[in-house]
Amino acid sequence: MSLNSVFWTEERPWRELRNWAVPRLFRVLHSALMNTLRVSTSGVHRMTPYLEGHEKSGAVFVLWHDQSLFPLFFFSQSGMASMLSTSRNGRLWAGVWKLYGWPVIWGSTNKRAGVLALRDALARLREGKNIGFTPDGPLGPRHQAHGGVVYLASKAPAVVMPISYSASDAWHLRTWDRYLIPKPGAHVHLHVGAPIQIPPDLTREATEAWQQKIAAALDETERVARAEVERRTGRVAAVPDLRKARATSE
């Protein structure tokens, strides 16, 4: 029996032990890393009315899938919900997000489960609660926005607010998204872009156009974050080797 099959076994009590222990171990290591970082921000004031509940509807805070590690820590205990898969990996990640005070909306690539998740997300937004959303997740393609975020914002209605961060020194995993992990002691800059208002009753063509606008807004917030890291540190911000990402996805 391989070590991998032992780790992922569904037999009791090992399944419960894994789902309890792994998130807690990850949180210890993650928090230790995050507390070494030197942090600066810009545009965060744009989130304040929504985080403090001053708006009738919530907001959809969007970020690329590879950039979730630092916001997980930075926006902990904010009440913002995150949509996660019901897969084995998704349930492990859910344990981590819950430890940081993020409510979880269970989603899936399965059509029926996906519809139920969108209904839950819509209900939360209409109650004035906020959602964190990775429009290129969970499987990519990298930095291409799917239609779910446009649907949510249009139907709620809710504003879409792009978030990105950059690091002066970082690792990029050899995954489809080149997942970003700041190195200990790195300077991290987080930037929140201008809110995006999406109209109701969109056609398919209009939905695709708004997907491209959201992707462009996220790319711009990432460019601003990278420029701020370079301005504040005098060093070129860490960027992934996308040739490796393409090779991995193939």
C-alpha atoms as a PDB file:
ATOM      1  CA  MET A   1       0.000   0.000   0.000  1.00  0.00           C
ATOM      2  CA  SER A   2       1.417   3.393  -1.010  1.00  0.00           C
ATOM      3  CA  LEU A   3       1.843   6.334   1.368  1.00  0.00           C
ATOM      4  CA  ASN A   4      -0.523   8.347  -0.827  1.00  0.00           C
ATOM      5  CA  SER A   5      -3.330   5.793  -0.500  1.00  0.00           C
ATOM      6  CA  VAL A   6      -2.812   5.647   3.277  1.00  0.00           C
ATOM      7  CA  PHE A   7      -3.048   9.440   3.530  1.00  0.00           C
ATOM      8  CA  TRP A   8      -6.228   9.665   1.434  1.00  0.00           C
ATOM      9  CA  THR A   9      -7.974   6.654   2.947  1.00  0.00           C
ATOM     10  CA  GLU A  10     -11.672   7.092   3.699  1.00  0.00           C
ATOM     11  CA  GLU A  11     -11.544   4.559   6.494  1.00  0.00           C
ATOM     12  CA  ARG A  12     -12.393   5.695  10.002  1.00  0.00           C
ATOM     13  CA  PRO A  13     -10.900   7.076  12.181  1.00  0.00           C
ATOM     14  CA  TRP A  14      -8.047   8.017   9.781  1.00  0.00           C
ATOM     15  CA  ARG A  15     -10.290  10.200   7.606  1.00  0.00           C
ATOM     16  CA  GLU A  16     -11.441  12.263  10.605  1.00  0.00           C
ATOM     17  CA  LEU A  17      -7.884  12.469  11.956  1.00  0.00           C
ATOM     18  CA  ARG A  18      -6.567  13.705   8.602  1.00  0.00           C
ATOM     19  CA  ASN A  19      -9.300  16.310   8.201  1.00  0.00           C
ATOM     20  CA  TRP A  20      -8.705  17.578  11.744  1.00  0.00           C
ATOM     21  CA  ALA A  21      -4.899  17.512  11.888  1.00  0.00           C
ATOM     22  CA  VAL A  22      -3.811  18.693   8.435  1.00  0.00           C
ATOM     23  CA  PRO A  23      -5.648  22.068   8.477  1.00  0.00           C
ATOM     24  CA  ARG A  24      -4.314  22.843  11.962  1.00  0.00           C
ATOM     25  CA  LEU A  25      -0.751  21.987  11.012  1.00  0.00           C
ATOM     26  CA  PHE A  26      -1.070  24.068   7.861  1.00  0.00           C
ATOM     27  CA  ARG A  27      -2.431  27.010   9.823  1.00  0.00           C
ATOM     28  CA  VAL A  28       0.520  26.969  12.223  1.00  0.00           C
ATOM     29  CA  LEU A  29       3.022  26.964   9.353  1.00  0.00           C
ATOM     30  CA  HIS A  30       1.011  29.457   7.297  1.00  0.00           C
ATOM     31  CA  SER A  31       0.566  31.927  10.177  1.00  0.00           C
ATOM     32  CA  ALA A  32       4.263  31.700  11.013  1.00  0.00           C
ATOM     33  CA  LEU A  33       5.147  32.582   7.411  1.00  0.00           C
ATOM     34  CA  MET A  34       2.576  35.376   7.130  1.00  0.00           C
ATOM     35  CA  ASN A  35       3.829  37.046  10.309  1.00  0.00           C
ATOM     36  CA  THR A  36       7.317  37.423   8.823  1.00  0.00           C
ATOM     37  CA  LEU A  37       6.063  39.490   5.876  1.00  0.00           C
ATOM     38  CA  ARG A  38       6.387  43.251   5.524  1.00  0.00           C
ATOM     39  CA  VAL A  39       2.982  44.417   4.312  1.00  0.00           C
ATOM     40  CA  SER A  40       1.736  47.529   2.526  1.00  0.00           C
ATOM     41  CA  THR A  41      -1.648  48.169   0.949  1.00  0.00           C
ATOM     42  CA  SER A  42      -3.503  50.519  -1.369  1.00  0.00           C
ATOM     43  CA  GLY A  43      -7.193  50.861  -2.207  1.00  0.00           C
ATOM     44  CA  VAL A  44      -8.338  48.881   0.854  1.00  0.00           C
ATOM     45  CA  HIS A  45     -10.607  51.792   1.830  1.00  0.00           C
ATOM     46  CA  ARG A  46     -12.849  50.763  -1.068  1.00  0.00           C
ATOM     47  CA  MET A  47     -13.775  47.593   0.846  1.00  0.00           C
ATOM     48  CA  THR A  48     -14.630  49.320   4.126  1.00  0.00           C
ATOM     49  CA  PRO A  49     -18.350  50.067   3.483  1.00  0.00           C
ATOM     50  CA  TYR A  50     -18.929  46.409   2.622  1.00  0.00           C
ATOM     51  CA  LEU A  51     -16.823  44.869   5.378  1.00  0.00           C
ATOM     52  CA  GLU A  52     -18.558  47.112   7.936  1.00  0.00           C
ATOM     53  CA  GLY A  53     -22.030  46.285   6.573  1.00  0.00           C
ATOM     54  CA  HIS A  54     -22.964  49.804   5.477  1.00  0.00           C
ATOM     55  CA  GLU A  55     -24.271  48.650   2.079  1.00  0.00           C
ATOM     56  CA  LYS A  56     -27.613  46.934   1.437  1.00  0.00           C
ATOM     57  CA  SER A  57     -26.002  44.272  -0.747  1.00  0.00           C
ATOM     58  CA  GLY A  58     -22.692  42.537  -0.251  1.00  0.00           C
ATOM     59  CA  ALA A  59     -19.723  42.583  -2.607  1.00  0.00           C
ATOM     60  CA  VAL A  60     -17.947  39.917  -4.619  1.00  0.00           C
ATOM     61  CA  PHE A  61     -14.223  40.271  -3.950  1.00  0.00           C
ATOM     62  CA  VAL A  62     -12.386  38.586  -6.802  1.00  0.00           C
ATOM     63  CA  LEU A  63      -8.775  37.446  -7.034  1.00  0.00           C
ATOM     64  CA  TRP A  64      -6.902  35.010  -9.221  1.00  0.00           C
ATOM     65  CA  HIS A  65      -6.609  31.453  -7.911  1.00  0.00           C
ATOM     66  CA  ASP A  66      -2.827  31.668  -7.489  1.00  0.00           C
ATOM     67  CA  GLN A  67      -3.158  34.676  -5.178  1.00  0.00           C
ATOM     68  CA  SER A  68      -5.310  33.310  -2.359  1.00  0.00           C
ATOM     69  CA  LEU A  69      -2.615  32.491   0.225  1.00  0.00           C
ATOM     70  CA  PHE A  70      -2.005  35.982   1.617  1.00  0.00           C
ATOM     71  CA  PRO A  71      -5.660  37.237   1.508  1.00  0.00           C
ATOM     72  CA  LEU A  72      -6.655  34.112   3.465  1.00  0.00           C
ATOM     73  CA  PHE A  73      -4.593  35.524   6.330  1.00  0.00           C
ATOM     74  CA  PHE A  74      -5.058  39.267   5.734  1.00  0.00           C
ATOM     75  CA  PHE A  75      -8.878  39.129   5.633  1.00  0.00           C
ATOM     76  CA  SER A  76      -9.306  36.514   8.358  1.00  0.00           C
ATOM     77  CA  GLN A  77     -12.316  36.927  10.686  1.00  0.00           C
ATOM     78  CA  SER A  78     -13.895  39.400   8.219  1.00  0.00           C
ATOM     79  CA  GLY A  79     -17.014  37.262   7.741  1.00  0.00           C
ATOM     80  CA  MET A  80     -16.315  36.985   4.020  1.00  0.00           C
ATOM     81  CA  ALA A  81     -17.393  33.601   2.631  1.00  0.00           C
ATOM     82  CA  SER A  82     -15.368  31.448   0.263  1.00  0.00           C
ATOM     83  CA  MET A  83     -16.652  28.940  -2.284  1.00  0.00           C
ATOM     84  CA  LEU A  84     -14.781  25.623  -2.067  1.00  0.00           C
ATOM     85  CA  SER A  85     -15.084  22.240  -3.718  1.00  0.00           C
ATOM     86  CA  THR A  86     -16.508  19.177  -1.986  1.00  0.00           C
ATOM     87  CA  SER A  87     -13.533  17.139  -3.239  1.00  0.00           C
ATOM     88  CA  ARG A  88     -11.032  15.657  -0.773  1.00  0.00           C
ATOM     89  CA  ASN A  89      -8.616  18.531  -1.378  1.00  0.00           C
ATOM     90  CA  GLY A  90     -11.472  21.004  -1.106  1.00  0.00           C
ATOM     91  CA  ARG A  91     -12.514  19.641   2.290  1.00  0.00           C
ATOM     92  CA  LEU A  92      -8.970  19.916   3.606  1.00  0.00           C
ATOM     93  CA  TRP A  93      -8.780  23.530   2.393  1.00  0.00           C
ATOM     94  CA  ALA A  94     -12.189  24.219   3.917  1.00  0.00           C
ATOM     95  CA  GLY A  95     -10.798  23.188   7.296  1.00  0.00           C
ATOM     96  CA  VAL A  96      -8.072  25.829   6.908  1.00  0.00           C
ATOM     97  CA  TRP A  97     -10.431  28.602   5.773  1.00  0.00           C
ATOM     98  CA  LYS A  98     -12.823  27.880   8.640  1.00  0.00           C
ATOM     99  CA  LEU A  99      -9.959  28.145  11.147  1.00  0.00           C
ATOM    100  CA  TYR A 100      -9.371  31.663   9.832  1.00  0.00           C
ATOM    101  CA  GLY A 101     -13.031  32.578  10.265  1.00  0.00           C
ATOM    102  CA  TRP A 102     -14.173  32.257   6.654  1.00  0.00           C
ATOM    103  CA  PRO A 103     -17.675  30.763   6.174  1.00  0.00           C
ATOM    104  CA  VAL A 104     -17.625  28.120   3.439  1.00  0.00           C
ATOM    105  CA  ILE A 105     -20.015  27.770   0.496  1.00  0.00           C
ATOM    106  CA  TRP A 106     -19.777  24.258  -0.885  1.00  0.00           C
ATOM    107  CA  GLY A 107     -19.364  24.295  -4.652  1.00  0.00           C
ATOM    108  CA  SER A 108     -18.476  21.734  -7.282  1.00  0.00           C
ATOM    109  CA  THR A 109     -17.799  21.288 -10.979  1.00  0.00           C
ATOM    110  CA  ASN A 110     -20.923  19.086 -10.869  1.00  0.00           C
ATOM    111  CA  LYS A 111     -23.729  21.080 -12.490  1.00  0.00           C
ATOM    112  CA  ARG A 112     -26.387  20.478  -9.818  1.00  0.00           C
ATOM    113  CA  ALA A 113     -24.030  21.174  -6.922  1.00  0.00           C
ATOM    114  CA  GLY A 114     -22.761  24.260  -8.736  1.00  0.00           C
ATOM    115  CA  VAL A 115     -26.296  25.644  -9.087  1.00  0.00           C
ATOM    116  CA  LEU A 116     -26.979  25.094  -5.371  1.00  0.00           C
ATOM    117  CA  ALA A 117     -23.723  26.871  -4.489  1.00  0.00           C
ATOM    118  CA  LEU A 118     -24.657  29.862  -6.659  1.00  0.00           C
ATOM    119  CA  ARG A 119     -28.063  30.056  -4.931  1.00  0.00           C
ATOM    120  CA  ASP A 120     -26.368  30.051  -1.525  1.00  0.00           C
ATOM    121  CA  ALA A 121     -23.958  32.751  -2.678  1.00  0.00           C
ATOM    122  CA  LEU A 122     -26.806  34.888  -4.046  1.00  0.00           C
ATOM    123  CA  ALA A 123     -28.707  34.623  -0.758  1.00  0.00           C
ATOM    124  CA  ARG A 124     -25.639  35.764   1.166  1.00  0.00           C
ATOM    125  CA  LEU A 125     -25.049  38.737  -1.117  1.00  0.00           C
ATOM    126  CA  ARG A 126     -28.676  39.850  -0.850  1.00  0.00           C
ATOM    127  CA  GLU A 127     -28.355  39.718   2.944  1.00  0.00           C
ATOM    128  CA  GLY A 128     -25.455  42.177   2.727  1.00  0.00           C
ATOM    129  CA  LYS A 129     -22.744  39.544   3.234  1.00  0.00           C
ATOM    130  CA  ASN A 130     -19.568  39.345   1.174  1.00  0.00           C
ATOM    131  CA  ILE A 131     -18.006  36.594  -0.890  1.00  0.00           C
ATOM    132  CA  GLY A 132     -14.447  35.921  -1.978  1.00  0.00           C
ATOM    133  CA  PHE A 133     -14.316  34.386  -5.455  1.00  0.00           C
ATOM    134  CA  THR A 134     -11.564  33.039  -7.717  1.00  0.00           C
ATOM    135  CA  PRO A 135     -12.980  33.474 -11.240  1.00  0.00           C
ATOM    136  CA  ASP A 136     -10.357  31.178 -12.826  1.00  0.00           C
ATOM    137  CA  GLY A 137     -10.709  28.410 -10.228  1.00  0.00           C
ATOM    138  CA  PRO A 138     -10.645  25.625  -9.379  1.00  0.00           C
ATOM    139  CA  LEU A 139      -9.088  24.202 -12.546  1.00  0.00           C
ATOM    140  CA  GLY A 140      -8.311  27.149 -14.813  1.00  0.00           C
ATOM    141  CA  PRO A 141      -7.353  28.152 -17.420  1.00  0.00           C
ATOM    142  CA  ARG A 142      -4.999  30.466 -15.565  1.00  0.00           C
ATOM    143  CA  HIS A 143      -6.146  34.110 -15.313  1.00  0.00           C
ATOM    144  CA  GLN A 144      -9.253  33.597 -17.441  1.00  0.00           C
ATOM    145  CA  ALA A 145     -12.489  34.636 -15.735  1.00  0.00           C
ATOM    146  CA  HIS A 146     -15.416  32.205 -15.864  1.00  0.00           C
ATOM    147  CA  GLY A 147     -19.029  33.336 -16.065  1.00  0.00           C
ATOM    148  CA  GLY A 148     -20.024  32.540 -12.465  1.00  0.00           C
ATOM    149  CA  VAL A 149     -18.793  35.823 -11.024  1.00  0.00           C
ATOM    150  CA  VAL A 150     -20.665  37.821 -13.676  1.00  0.00           C
ATOM    151  CA  TYR A 151     -23.854  35.863 -12.975  1.00  0.00           C
ATOM    152  CA  LEU A 152     -23.595  36.442  -9.219  1.00  0.00           C
ATOM    153  CA  ALA A 153     -22.917  40.160  -9.466  1.00  0.00           C
ATOM    154  CA  SER A 154     -25.623  40.699 -12.067  1.00  0.00           C
ATOM    155  CA  LYS A 155     -28.346  38.724 -10.276  1.00  0.00           C
ATOM    156  CA  ALA A 156     -27.711  39.886  -6.680  1.00  0.00           C
ATOM    157  CA  PRO A 157     -27.001  42.726  -7.665  1.00  0.00           C
ATOM    158  CA  ALA A 158     -23.549  43.266  -6.139  1.00  0.00           C
ATOM    159  CA  VAL A 159     -20.368  45.084  -7.022  1.00  0.00           C
ATOM    160  CA  VAL A 160     -17.270  43.183  -8.095  1.00  0.00           C
ATOM    161  CA  MET A 161     -14.061  44.346  -6.452  1.00  0.00           C
ATOM    162  CA  PRO A 162     -10.709  43.106  -7.828  1.00  0.00           C
ATOM    163  CA  ILE A 163      -7.891  42.235  -5.395  1.00  0.00           C
ATOM    164  CA  SER A 164      -4.284  41.351  -6.179  1.00  0.00           C
ATOM    165  CA  TYR A 165      -1.002  41.181  -4.352  1.00  0.00           C
ATOM    166  CA  SER A 166       2.639  40.905  -5.293  1.00  0.00           C
ATOM    167  CA  ALA A 167       5.758  39.906  -3.372  1.00  0.00           C
ATOM    168  CA  SER A 168       9.373  41.004  -3.590  1.00  0.00           C
ATOM    169  CA  ASP A 169      10.496  37.397  -3.276  1.00  0.00           C
ATOM    170  CA  ALA A 170       8.338  34.300  -3.714  1.00  0.00           C
ATOM    171  CA  TRP A 171       8.029  30.701  -4.753  1.00  0.00           C
ATOM    172  CA  HIS A 172       5.710  29.723  -7.602  1.00  0.00           C
ATOM    173  CA  LEU A 173       4.505  26.140  -7.453  1.00  0.00           C
ATOM    174  CA  ARG A 174       4.618  23.993 -10.570  1.00  0.00           C
ATOM    175  CA  THR A 175       0.832  23.819 -10.745  1.00  0.00           C
ATOM    176  CA  TRP A 176      -1.552  24.984 -13.471  1.00  0.00           C
ATOM    177  CA  ASP A 177      -1.900  28.385 -11.778  1.00  0.00           C
ATOM    178  CA  ARG A 178       1.754  28.816 -10.659  1.00  0.00           C
ATOM    179  CA  TYR A 179       0.495  29.277  -7.084  1.00  0.00           C
ATOM    180  CA  LEU A 180       2.203  32.209  -5.331  1.00  0.00           C
ATOM    181  CA  ILE A 181       3.882  31.680  -1.936  1.00  0.00           C
ATOM    182  CA  PRO A 182       5.778  34.696  -0.525  1.00  0.00           C
ATOM    183  CA  LYS A 183       9.163  33.811   0.964  1.00  0.00           C
ATOM    184  CA  PRO A 184       9.851  34.611   4.639  1.00  0.00           C
ATOM    185  CA  GLY A 185      10.629  38.295   5.151  1.00  0.00           C
ATOM    186  CA  ALA A 186       9.374  39.338   1.707  1.00  0.00           C
ATOM    187  CA  HIS A 187       7.652  42.672   1.145  1.00  0.00           C
ATOM    188  CA  VAL A 188       4.033  42.103   0.090  1.00  0.00           C
ATOM    189  CA  HIS A 189       1.796  44.779  -1.385  1.00  0.00           C
ATOM    190  CA  LEU A 190      -1.962  44.209  -1.644  1.00  0.00           C
ATOM    191  CA  HIS A 191      -4.016  46.423  -3.939  1.00  0.00           C
ATOM    192  CA  VAL A 192      -7.809  46.703  -4.187  1.00  0.00           C
ATOM    193  CA  GLY A 193      -9.078  48.046  -7.487  1.00  0.00           C
ATOM    194  CA  ALA A 194     -12.126  50.183  -8.225  1.00  0.00           C
ATOM    195  CA  PRO A 195     -15.540  48.490  -7.829  1.00  0.00           C
ATOM    196  CA  ILE A 196     -17.180  47.202 -10.991  1.00  0.00           C
ATOM    197  CA  GLN A 197     -20.936  47.570 -11.479  1.00  0.00           C
ATOM    198  CA  ILE A 198     -22.442  44.862 -13.699  1.00  0.00           C
ATOM    199  CA  PRO A 199     -25.900  45.470 -15.209  1.00  0.00           C
ATOM    200  CA  PRO A 200     -28.773  42.947 -14.940  1.00  0.00           C
ATOM    201  CA  ASP A 201     -30.300  40.757 -17.676  1.00  0.00           C
ATOM    202  CA  LEU A 202     -27.141  40.153 -19.677  1.00  0.00           C
ATOM    203  CA  THR A 203     -27.018  38.302 -22.980  1.00  0.00           C
ATOM    204  CA  ARG A 204     -24.407  35.580 -23.492  1.00  0.00           C
ATOM    205  CA  GLU A 205     -22.287  37.989 -25.540  1.00  0.00           C
ATOM    206  CA  ALA A 206     -22.529  40.677 -22.851  1.00  0.00           C
ATOM    207  CA  THR A 207     -21.616  38.154 -20.157  1.00  0.00           C
ATOM    208  CA  GLU A 208     -18.474  37.194 -22.061  1.00  0.00           C
ATOM    209  CA  ALA A 209     -17.580  40.861 -22.476  1.00  0.00           C
ATOM    210  CA  TRP A 210     -17.887  41.419 -18.705  1.00  0.00           C
ATOM    211  CA  GLN A 211     -15.752  38.338 -18.042  1.00  0.00           C
ATOM    212  CA  GLN A 212     -13.016  39.966 -20.100  1.00  0.00           C
ATOM    213  CA  LYS A 213     -13.458  43.270 -18.255  1.00  0.00           C
ATOM    214  CA  ILE A 214     -13.083  41.535 -14.883  1.00  0.00           C
ATOM    215  CA  ALA A 215      -9.985  39.712 -16.107  1.00  0.00           C
ATOM    216  CA  ALA A 216      -8.526  43.007 -17.323  1.00  0.00           C
ATOM    217  CA  ALA A 217      -9.301  44.681 -13.981  1.00  0.00           C
ATOM    218  CA  LEU A 218      -7.564  41.872 -12.078  1.00  0.00           C
ATOM    219  CA  ASP A 219      -4.539  42.067 -14.345  1.00  0.00           C
ATOM    220  CA  GLU A 220      -4.401  45.822 -13.741  1.00  0.00           C
ATOM    221  CA  THR A 221      -4.587  45.447  -9.952  1.00  0.00           C
ATOM    222  CA  GLU A 222      -1.781  42.901 -10.152  1.00  0.00           C
ATOM    223  CA  ARG A 223       0.277  45.349 -12.232  1.00  0.00           C
ATOM    224  CA  VAL A 224      -0.292  48.081  -9.615  1.00  0.00           C
ATOM    225  CA  ALA A 225       0.673  45.739  -6.768  1.00  0.00           C
ATOM    226  CA  ARG A 226       3.830  44.677  -8.591  1.00  0.00           C
ATOM    227  CA  ALA A 227       4.776  48.293  -9.349  1.00  0.00           C
ATOM    228  CA  GLU A 228       4.296  49.234  -5.683  1.00  0.00           C
ATOM    229  CA  VAL A 229       6.561  46.404  -4.526  1.00  0.00           C
ATOM    230  CA  GLU A 230       9.244  47.570  -6.934  1.00  0.00           C
ATOM    231  CA  ARG A 231       8.826  51.238  -5.904  1.00  0.00           C
ATOM    232  CA  ARG A 232       8.983  50.491  -2.188  1.00  0.00           C
ATOM    233  CA  THR A 233      11.837  47.967  -2.282  1.00  0.00           C
ATOM    234  CA  GLY A 234      13.829  48.900  -5.360  1.00  0.00           C
ATOM    235  CA  ARG A 235      13.653  45.234  -6.386  1.00  0.00           C
ATOM    236  CA  VAL A 236      11.850  43.566  -9.269  1.00  0.00           C
ATOM    237  CA  ALA A 237       8.773  41.746  -7.964  1.00  0.00           C
ATOM    238  CA  ALA A 238       8.689  37.957  -8.250  1.00  0.00           C
ATOM    239  CA  VAL A 239       6.814  36.711 -11.321  1.00  0.00           C
ATOM    240  CA  PRO A 240       6.090  33.119 -12.371  1.00  0.00           C
ATOM    241  CA  ASP A 241       7.663  31.294 -15.290  1.00  0.00           C
ATOM    242  CA  LEU A 242       4.536  30.696 -17.361  1.00  0.00           C
ATOM    243  CA  ARG A 243       6.324  28.247 -19.645  1.00  0.00           C
ATOM    244  CA  LYS A 244       6.448  25.844 -16.679  1.00  0.00           C
ATOM    245  CA  ALA A 245       2.755  26.442 -16.010  1.00  0.00           C
ATOM    246  CA  ARG A 246       1.862  25.551 -19.595  1.00  0.00           C
ATOM    247  CA  ALA A 247       4.096  22.490 -19.508  1.00  0.00           C
ATOM    248  CA  THR A 248       2.438  21.323 -16.268  1.00  0.00           C
ATOM    249  CA  SER A 249      -1.096  21.820 -17.608  1.00  0.00           C
ATOM    250  CA  GLU A 250      -0.243  19.883 -20.760  1.00  0.00           C
END
